[in-house]
């Protein structure tokens, strides 16, 4: 599961907030595959991403940041569960 937040203080226009949220959602959708396949049986991951930039990003910027997020999540997911 994933959630996305774009603060009104960072993007005053709702059109901009919705665009950033759509970019985040699309970047997550296209890059979540490795996390889903690496997930051990009986475990799940919940992710909530918050946009912290003040400039309107393009998809390449969001995709690059999402790649970094996925790499970090993969290291967490592949750790053995605590008993």
PDB file of N, CA and C in Angstrom:
ATOM      1  N   UNK A   1       0.837  -1.171   0.000  1.00  0.00           N
ATOM      2  CA  UNK A   1       0.000   0.000   0.000  1.00  0.00           C
ATOM      3  C   UNK A   1       0.882   1.235   0.000  1.00  0.00           C
ATOM      4  N   UNK A   2       0.400   2.248  -0.640  1.00  0.00           N
ATOM      5  CA  UNK A   2       1.163   3.490  -0.704  1.00  0.00           C
ATOM      6  C   UNK A   2       0.221   4.675  -0.573  1.00  0.00           C
ATOM      7  N   UNK A   3       0.698   5.704   0.099  1.00  0.00           N
ATOM      8  CA  UNK A   3      -0.033   6.950   0.229  1.00  0.00           C
ATOM      9  C   UNK A   3       0.875   8.094  -0.188  1.00  0.00           C
ATOM     10  N   UNK A   4       0.259   9.188  -0.613  1.00  0.00           N
ATOM     11  CA  UNK A   4       1.029  10.320  -1.111  1.00  0.00           C
ATOM     12  C   UNK A   4       0.460  11.602  -0.533  1.00  0.00           C
ATOM     13  N   UNK A   5       1.340  12.534  -0.172  1.00  0.00           N
ATOM     14  CA  UNK A   5       0.916  13.816   0.364  1.00  0.00           C
ATOM     15  C   UNK A   5       1.714  14.927  -0.301  1.00  0.00           C
ATOM     16  N   UNK A   6       1.003  15.962  -0.690  1.00  0.00           N
ATOM     17  CA  UNK A   6       1.634  17.150  -1.261  1.00  0.00           C
ATOM     18  C   UNK A   6       1.090  18.340  -0.485  1.00  0.00           C
ATOM     19  N   UNK A   7       1.907  18.939   0.385  1.00  0.00           N
ATOM     20  CA  UNK A   7       1.421  20.002   1.267  1.00  0.00           C
ATOM     21  C   UNK A   7       0.991  21.265   0.528  1.00  0.00           C
ATOM     22  N   UNK A   8      -0.050  21.875   1.046  1.00  0.00           N
ATOM     23  CA  UNK A   8      -0.562  23.115   0.478  1.00  0.00           C
ATOM     24  C   UNK A   8       0.430  24.262   0.682  1.00  0.00           C
ATOM     25  N   UNK A   9       1.237  24.183   1.733  1.00  0.00           N
ATOM     26  CA  UNK A   9       2.237  25.227   1.960  1.00  0.00           C
ATOM     27  C   UNK A   9       3.308  25.223   0.879  1.00  0.00           C
ATOM     28  N   UNK A  10       3.576  24.058   0.282  1.00  0.00           N
ATOM     29  CA  UNK A  10       4.603  23.955  -0.758  1.00  0.00           C
ATOM     30  C   UNK A  10       4.030  24.295  -2.135  1.00  0.00           C
ATOM     31  N   UNK A  11       2.797  23.860  -2.402  1.00  0.00           N
ATOM     32  CA  UNK A  11       2.147  24.095  -3.692  1.00  0.00           C
ATOM     33  C   UNK A  11       0.776  24.705  -3.435  1.00  0.00           C
ATOM     34  N   UNK A  12       0.663  26.004  -3.623  1.00  0.00           N
ATOM     35  CA  UNK A  12      -0.570  26.711  -3.305  1.00  0.00           C
ATOM     36  C   UNK A  12      -1.723  26.339  -4.235  1.00  0.00           C
ATOM     37  N   UNK A  13      -1.426  26.120  -5.511  1.00  0.00           N
ATOM     38  CA  UNK A  13      -2.492  25.814  -6.475  1.00  0.00           C
ATOM     39  C   UNK A  13      -2.827  24.323  -6.418  1.00  0.00           C
ATOM     40  N   UNK A  14      -4.100  24.018  -6.354  1.00  0.00           N
ATOM     41  CA  UNK A  14      -4.515  22.613  -6.275  1.00  0.00           C
ATOM     42  C   UNK A  14      -4.126  21.842  -7.536  1.00  0.00           C
ATOM     43  N   UNK A  15      -4.085  22.532  -8.667  1.00  0.00           N
ATOM     44  CA  UNK A  15      -3.682  21.879  -9.913  1.00  0.00           C
ATOM     45  C   UNK A  15      -2.249  21.355  -9.788  1.00  0.00           C
ATOM     46  N   UNK A  16      -1.380  22.150  -9.173  1.00  0.00           N
ATOM     47  CA  UNK A  16       0.006  21.738  -8.982  1.00  0.00           C
ATOM     48  C   UNK A  16       0.100  20.588  -7.986  1.00  0.00           C
ATOM     49  N   UNK A  17      -0.665  20.665  -6.890  1.00  0.00           N
ATOM     50  CA  UNK A  17      -0.656  19.578  -5.904  1.00  0.00           C
ATOM     51  C   UNK A  17      -1.108  18.267  -6.527  1.00  0.00           C
ATOM     52  N   UNK A  18      -2.158  18.312  -7.303  1.00  0.00           N
ATOM     53  CA  UNK A  18      -2.665  17.100  -7.935  1.00  0.00           C
ATOM     54  C   UNK A  18      -1.676  16.550  -8.960  1.00  0.00           C
ATOM     55  N   UNK A  19      -1.004  17.444  -9.678  1.00  0.00           N
ATOM     56  CA  UNK A  19      -0.016  16.981 -10.658  1.00  0.00           C
ATOM     57  C   UNK A  19       1.141  16.252  -9.965  1.00  0.00           C
ATOM     58  N   UNK A  20       1.642  16.830  -8.889  1.00  0.00           N
ATOM     59  CA  UNK A  20       2.742  16.204  -8.167  1.00  0.00           C
ATOM     60  C   UNK A  20       2.282  14.865  -7.589  1.00  0.00           C
ATOM     61  N   UNK A  21       1.073  14.795  -7.049  1.00  0.00           N
ATOM     62  CA  UNK A  21       0.561  13.538  -6.515  1.00  0.00           C
ATOM     63  C   UNK A  21       0.442  12.488  -7.612  1.00  0.00           C
ATOM     64  N   UNK A  22      -0.039  12.892  -8.794  1.00  0.00           N
ATOM     65  CA  UNK A  22      -0.135  11.946  -9.914  1.00  0.00           C
ATOM     66  C   UNK A  22       1.244  11.470 -10.351  1.00  0.00           C
ATOM     67  N   UNK A  23       2.217  12.366 -10.375  1.00  0.00           N
ATOM     68  CA  UNK A  23       3.581  11.965 -10.732  1.00  0.00           C
ATOM     69  C   UNK A  23       4.140  10.969  -9.719  1.00  0.00           C
ATOM     70  N   UNK A  24       3.914  11.226  -8.429  1.00  0.00           N
ATOM     71  CA  UNK A  24       4.374  10.304  -7.393  1.00  0.00           C
ATOM     72  C   UNK A  24       3.705   8.942  -7.539  1.00  0.00           C
ATOM     73  N   UNK A  25       2.406   8.948  -7.760  1.00  0.00           N
ATOM     74  CA  UNK A  25       1.671   7.692  -7.880  1.00  0.00           C
ATOM     75  C   UNK A  25       2.127   6.894  -9.101  1.00  0.00           C
ATOM     76  N   UNK A  26       2.355   7.559 -10.204  1.00  0.00           N
ATOM     77  CA  UNK A  26       2.788   6.859 -11.419  1.00  0.00           C
ATOM     78  C   UNK A  26       4.206   6.312 -11.256  1.00  0.00           C
ATOM     79  N   UNK A  27       5.085   7.095 -10.648  1.00  0.00           N
ATOM     80  CA  UNK A  27       6.452   6.625 -10.423  1.00  0.00           C
ATOM     81  C   UNK A  27       6.447   5.411  -9.489  1.00  0.00           C
ATOM     82  N   UNK A  28       5.615   5.437  -8.461  1.00  0.00           N
ATOM     83  CA  UNK A  28       5.525   4.291  -7.562  1.00  0.00           C
ATOM     84  C   UNK A  28       4.963   3.076  -8.295  1.00  0.00           C
ATOM     85  N   UNK A  29       3.904   3.273  -9.066  1.00  0.00           N
ATOM     86  CA  UNK A  29       3.258   2.166  -9.774  1.00  0.00           C
ATOM     87  C   UNK A  29       4.226   1.460 -10.711  1.00  0.00           C
ATOM     88  N   UNK A  30       5.052   2.224 -11.405  1.00  0.00           N
ATOM     89  CA  UNK A  30       5.955   1.633 -12.380  1.00  0.00           C
ATOM     90  C   UNK A  30       7.207   1.039 -11.758  1.00  0.00           C
ATOM     91  N   UNK A  31       7.486   1.343 -10.490  1.00  0.00           N
ATOM     92  CA  UNK A  31       8.735   0.884  -9.878  1.00  0.00           C
ATOM     93  C   UNK A  31       8.556  -0.025  -8.664  1.00  0.00           C
ATOM     94  N   UNK A  32       7.334  -0.334  -8.287  1.00  0.00           N
ATOM     95  CA  UNK A  32       7.115  -1.144  -7.090  1.00  0.00           C
ATOM     96  C   UNK A  32       7.319  -2.639  -7.320  1.00  0.00           C
ATOM     97  N   UNK A  33       7.452  -3.078  -8.551  1.00  0.00           N
ATOM     98  CA  UNK A  33       7.581  -4.496  -8.876  1.00  0.00           C
ATOM     99  C   UNK A  33       8.677  -5.222  -8.116  1.00  0.00           C
ATOM    100  N   UNK A  34       9.913  -4.718  -8.083  1.00  0.00           N
ATOM    101  CA  UNK A  34      10.975  -5.421  -7.350  1.00  0.00           C
ATOM    102  C   UNK A  34      10.681  -5.585  -5.864  1.00  0.00           C
ATOM    103  N   UNK A  35      10.000  -4.623  -5.273  1.00  0.00           N
ATOM    104  CA  UNK A  35       9.666  -4.727  -3.857  1.00  0.00           C
ATOM    105  C   UNK A  35       8.623  -5.819  -3.651  1.00  0.00           C
ATOM    106  N   UNK A  36       7.630  -5.869  -4.509  1.00  0.00           N
ATOM    107  CA  UNK A  36       6.571  -6.872  -4.387  1.00  0.00           C
ATOM    108  C   UNK A  36       7.139  -8.274  -4.552  1.00  0.00           C
ATOM    109  N   UNK A  37       8.034  -8.469  -5.517  1.00  0.00           N
ATOM    110  CA  UNK A  37       8.596  -9.805  -5.741  1.00  0.00           C
ATOM    111  C   UNK A  37       9.576 -10.210  -4.646  1.00  0.00           C
ATOM    112  N   UNK A  38      10.249  -9.243  -4.025  1.00  0.00           N
ATOM    113  CA  UNK A  38      11.222  -9.550  -2.975  1.00  0.00           C
ATOM    114  C   UNK A  38      10.574  -9.718  -1.606  1.00  0.00           C
ATOM    115  N   UNK A  39       9.299  -9.388  -1.507  1.00  0.00           N
ATOM    116  CA  UNK A  39       8.609  -9.443  -0.216  1.00  0.00           C
ATOM    117  C   UNK A  39       8.466 -10.887   0.264  1.00  0.00           C
ATOM    118  N   UNK A  40       8.995 -11.205   1.450  1.00  0.00           N
ATOM    119  CA  UNK A  40       8.838 -12.561   1.993  1.00  0.00           C
ATOM    120  C   UNK A  40       7.369 -12.866   2.296  1.00  0.00           C
ATOM    121  N   UNK A  41       7.056 -14.133   2.306  1.00  0.00           N
ATOM    122  CA  UNK A  41       5.691 -14.582   2.601  1.00  0.00           C
ATOM    123  C   UNK A  41       5.285 -14.110   3.995  1.00  0.00           C
ATOM    124  N   UNK A  42       4.103 -13.575   4.106  1.00  0.00           N
ATOM    125  CA  UNK A  42       3.586 -13.144   5.398  1.00  0.00           C
ATOM    126  C   UNK A  42       3.986 -11.745   5.815  1.00  0.00           C
ATOM    127  N   UNK A  43       4.723 -11.034   4.974  1.00  0.00           N
ATOM    128  CA  UNK A  43       5.119  -9.659   5.294  1.00  0.00           C
ATOM    129  C   UNK A  43       4.487  -8.710   4.299  1.00  0.00           C
ATOM    130  N   UNK A  44       4.283  -7.478   4.724  1.00  0.00           N
ATOM    131  CA  UNK A  44       3.759  -6.458   3.826  1.00  0.00           C
ATOM    132  C   UNK A  44       4.468  -5.138   4.120  1.00  0.00           C
ATOM    133  N   UNK A  45       4.350  -4.228   3.214  1.00  0.00           N
ATOM    134  CA  UNK A  45       4.974  -2.920   3.389  1.00  0.00           C
ATOM    135  C   UNK A  45       3.924  -1.845   3.118  1.00  0.00           C
ATOM    136  N   UNK A  46       3.946  -0.825   3.963  1.00  0.00           N
ATOM    137  CA  UNK A  46       3.075   0.326   3.800  1.00  0.00           C
ATOM    138  C   UNK A  46       3.989   1.540   3.658  1.00  0.00           C
ATOM    139  N   UNK A  47       3.788   2.303   2.601  1.00  0.00           N
ATOM    140  CA  UNK A  47       4.659   3.435   2.297  1.00  0.00           C
ATOM    141  C   UNK A  47       3.812   4.698   2.225  1.00  0.00           C
ATOM    142  N   UNK A  48       4.296   5.780   2.827  1.00  0.00           N
ATOM    143  CA  UNK A  48       3.642   7.070   2.721  1.00  0.00           C
ATOM    144  C   UNK A  48       4.701   8.072   2.305  1.00  0.00           C
ATOM    145  N   UNK A  49       4.542   8.655   1.137  1.00  0.00           N
ATOM    146  CA  UNK A  49       5.537   9.565   0.577  1.00  0.00           C
ATOM    147  C   UNK A  49       5.018  10.997   0.622  1.00  0.00           C
ATOM    148  N   UNK A  50       5.887  11.913   1.047  1.00  0.00           N
ATOM    149  CA  UNK A  50       5.519  13.314   1.167  1.00  0.00           C
ATOM    150  C   UNK A  50       6.435  14.136   0.270  1.00  0.00           C
ATOM    151  N   UNK A  51       5.847  14.958  -0.572  1.00  0.00           N
ATOM    152  CA  UNK A  51       6.627  15.845  -1.440  1.00  0.00           C
ATOM    153  C   UNK A  51       7.156  17.002  -0.599  1.00  0.00           C
ATOM    154  N   UNK A  52       8.478  17.220  -0.639  1.00  0.00           N
ATOM    155  CA  UNK A  52       9.079  18.272   0.175  1.00  0.00           C
ATOM    156  C   UNK A  52       9.688  19.393  -0.659  1.00  0.00           C
ATOM    157  N   UNK A  53       9.694  19.252  -1.956  1.00  0.00           N
ATOM    158  CA  UNK A  53      10.259  20.286  -2.813  1.00  0.00           C
ATOM    159  C   UNK A  53       9.283  21.452  -2.948  1.00  0.00           C
ATOM    160  N   UNK A  54       9.797  22.600  -3.316  1.00  0.00           N
ATOM    161  CA  UNK A  54       8.922  23.749  -3.554  1.00  0.00           C
ATOM    162  C   UNK A  54       8.782  24.047  -5.045  1.00  0.00           C
ATOM    163  N   UNK A  55       9.599  23.386  -5.857  1.00  0.00           N
ATOM    164  CA  UNK A  55       9.528  23.575  -7.308  1.00  0.00           C
ATOM    165  C   UNK A  55       8.727  22.443  -7.926  1.00  0.00           C
ATOM    166  N   UNK A  56       7.983  22.740  -8.967  1.00  0.00           N
ATOM    167  CA  UNK A  56       7.188  21.732  -9.654  1.00  0.00           C
ATOM    168  C   UNK A  56       8.124  20.787 -10.402  1.00  0.00           C
ATOM    169  N   UNK A  57       8.211  19.513  -9.988  1.00  0.00           N
ATOM    170  CA  UNK A  57       9.143  18.580 -10.624  1.00  0.00           C
ATOM    171  C   UNK A  57       8.568  17.999 -11.908  1.00  0.00           C
ATOM    172  N   UNK A  58       9.456  17.477 -12.743  1.00  0.00           N
ATOM    173  CA  UNK A  58       8.987  16.730 -13.915  1.00  0.00           C
ATOM    174  C   UNK A  58       9.105  15.235 -13.590  1.00  0.00           C
ATOM    175  N   UNK A  59       8.619  14.400 -14.493  1.00  0.00           N
ATOM    176  CA  UNK A  59       8.568  12.972 -14.197  1.00  0.00           C
ATOM    177  C   UNK A  59       9.959  12.378 -14.024  1.00  0.00           C
ATOM    178  N   UNK A  60      10.950  12.868 -14.760  1.00  0.00           N
ATOM    179  CA  UNK A  60      12.308  12.334 -14.646  1.00  0.00           C
ATOM    180  C   UNK A  60      12.857  12.552 -13.234  1.00  0.00           C
ATOM    181  N   UNK A  61      12.600  13.712 -12.647  1.00  0.00           N
ATOM    182  CA  UNK A  61      13.064  13.991 -11.293  1.00  0.00           C
ATOM    183  C   UNK A  61      12.365  13.083 -10.283  1.00  0.00           C
ATOM    184  N   UNK A  62      11.056  12.946 -10.433  1.00  0.00           N
ATOM    185  CA  UNK A  62      10.288  12.104  -9.514  1.00  0.00           C
ATOM    186  C   UNK A  62      10.706  10.646  -9.659  1.00  0.00           C
ATOM    187  N   UNK A  63      10.914  10.192 -10.888  1.00  0.00           N
ATOM    188  CA  UNK A  63      11.312   8.808 -11.130  1.00  0.00           C
ATOM    189  C   UNK A  63      12.688   8.524 -10.529  1.00  0.00           C
ATOM    190  N   UNK A  64      13.610   9.452 -10.650  1.00  0.00           N
ATOM    191  CA  UNK A  64      14.934   9.273 -10.059  1.00  0.00           C
ATOM    192  C   UNK A  64      14.872   9.175  -8.544  1.00  0.00           C
ATOM    193  N   UNK A  65      14.068  10.030  -7.926  1.00  0.00           N
ATOM    194  CA  UNK A  65      13.907   9.970  -6.477  1.00  0.00           C
ATOM    195  C   UNK A  65      13.217   8.675  -6.069  1.00  0.00           C
ATOM    196  N   UNK A  66      12.252   8.223  -6.866  1.00  0.00           N
ATOM    197  CA  UNK A  66      11.541   6.988  -6.546  1.00  0.00           C
ATOM    198  C   UNK A  66      12.469   5.774  -6.655  1.00  0.00           C
ATOM    199  N   UNK A  67      13.404   5.818  -7.608  1.00  0.00           N
ATOM    200  CA  UNK A  67      14.394   4.738  -7.718  1.00  0.00           C
ATOM    201  C   UNK A  67      15.205   4.622  -6.426  1.00  0.00           C
ATOM    202  N   UNK A  68      15.578   5.761  -5.849  1.00  0.00           N
ATOM    203  CA  UNK A  68      16.322   5.757  -4.598  1.00  0.00           C
ATOM    204  C   UNK A  68      15.475   5.188  -3.465  1.00  0.00           C
ATOM    205  N   UNK A  69      14.202   5.556  -3.427  1.00  0.00           N
ATOM    206  CA  UNK A  69      13.294   5.044  -2.402  1.00  0.00           C
ATOM    207  C   UNK A  69      13.164   3.531  -2.525  1.00  0.00           C
ATOM    208  N   UNK A  70      13.003   3.045  -3.748  1.00  0.00           N
ATOM    209  CA  UNK A  70      12.840   1.608  -3.970  1.00  0.00           C
ATOM    210  C   UNK A  70      14.098   0.861  -3.535  1.00  0.00           C
ATOM    211  N   UNK A  71      15.280   1.397  -3.836  1.00  0.00           N
ATOM    212  CA  UNK A  71      16.528   0.752  -3.411  1.00  0.00           C
ATOM    213  C   UNK A  71      16.606   0.640  -1.892  1.00  0.00           C
ATOM    214  N   UNK A  72      16.241   1.716  -1.177  1.00  0.00           N
ATOM    215  CA  UNK A  72      16.270   1.682   0.278  1.00  0.00           C
ATOM    216  C   UNK A  72      15.244   0.703   0.821  1.00  0.00           C
ATOM    217  N   UNK A  73      14.058   0.672   0.217  1.00  0.00           N
ATOM    218  CA  UNK A  73      13.033  -0.254   0.677  1.00  0.00           C
ATOM    219  C   UNK A  73      13.439  -1.702   0.433  1.00  0.00           C
ATOM    220  N   UNK A  74      14.128  -1.960  -0.660  1.00  0.00           N
ATOM    221  CA  UNK A  74      14.581  -3.314  -0.940  1.00  0.00           C
ATOM    222  C   UNK A  74      15.545  -3.812   0.128  1.00  0.00           C
ATOM    223  N   UNK A  75      16.421  -2.938   0.624  1.00  0.00           N
ATOM    224  CA  UNK A  75      17.342  -3.357   1.677  1.00  0.00           C
ATOM    225  C   UNK A  75      16.578  -3.660   2.970  1.00  0.00           C
ATOM    226  N   UNK A  76      15.521  -2.925   3.209  1.00  0.00           N
ATOM    227  CA  UNK A  76      14.719  -3.168   4.412  1.00  0.00           C
ATOM    228  C   UNK A  76      13.913  -4.454   4.267  1.00  0.00           C
ATOM    229  N   UNK A  77      13.313  -4.640   3.108  1.00  0.00           N
ATOM    230  CA  UNK A  77      12.449  -5.802   2.867  1.00  0.00           C
ATOM    231  C   UNK A  77      13.252  -7.100   2.907  1.00  0.00           C
ATOM    232  N   UNK A  78      14.480  -7.073   2.425  1.00  0.00           N
ATOM    233  CA  UNK A  78      15.278  -8.294   2.338  1.00  0.00           C
ATOM    234  C   UNK A  78      15.927  -8.679   3.658  1.00  0.00           C
ATOM    235  N   UNK A  79      15.832  -7.841   4.675  1.00  0.00           N
ATOM    236  CA  UNK A  79      16.353  -8.202   5.993  1.00  0.00           C
ATOM    237  C   UNK A  79      15.446  -9.282   6.582  1.00  0.00           C
ATOM    238  N   UNK A  80      16.014 -10.198   7.363  1.00  0.00           N
ATOM    239  CA  UNK A  80      15.174 -11.214   7.999  1.00  0.00           C
ATOM    240  C   UNK A  80      14.252 -10.592   9.049  1.00  0.00           C
ATOM    241  N   UNK A  81      13.079 -11.169   9.177  1.00  0.00           N
ATOM    242  CA  UNK A  81      12.105 -10.674  10.157  1.00  0.00           C
ATOM    243  C   UNK A  81      12.597 -10.983  11.575  1.00  0.00           C
ATOM    244  N   UNK A  82      12.318 -10.072  12.482  1.00  0.00           N
ATOM    245  CA  UNK A  82      12.705 -10.287  13.880  1.00  0.00           C
ATOM    246  C   UNK A  82      11.801 -11.332  14.497  1.00  0.00           C
ATOM    247  N   UNK A  83      12.373 -12.224  15.235  1.00  0.00           N
ATOM    248  CA  UNK A  83      11.582 -13.292  15.859  1.00  0.00           C
ATOM    249  C   UNK A  83      11.147 -12.910  17.247  1.00  0.00           C
TER     250      UNK A  83
END
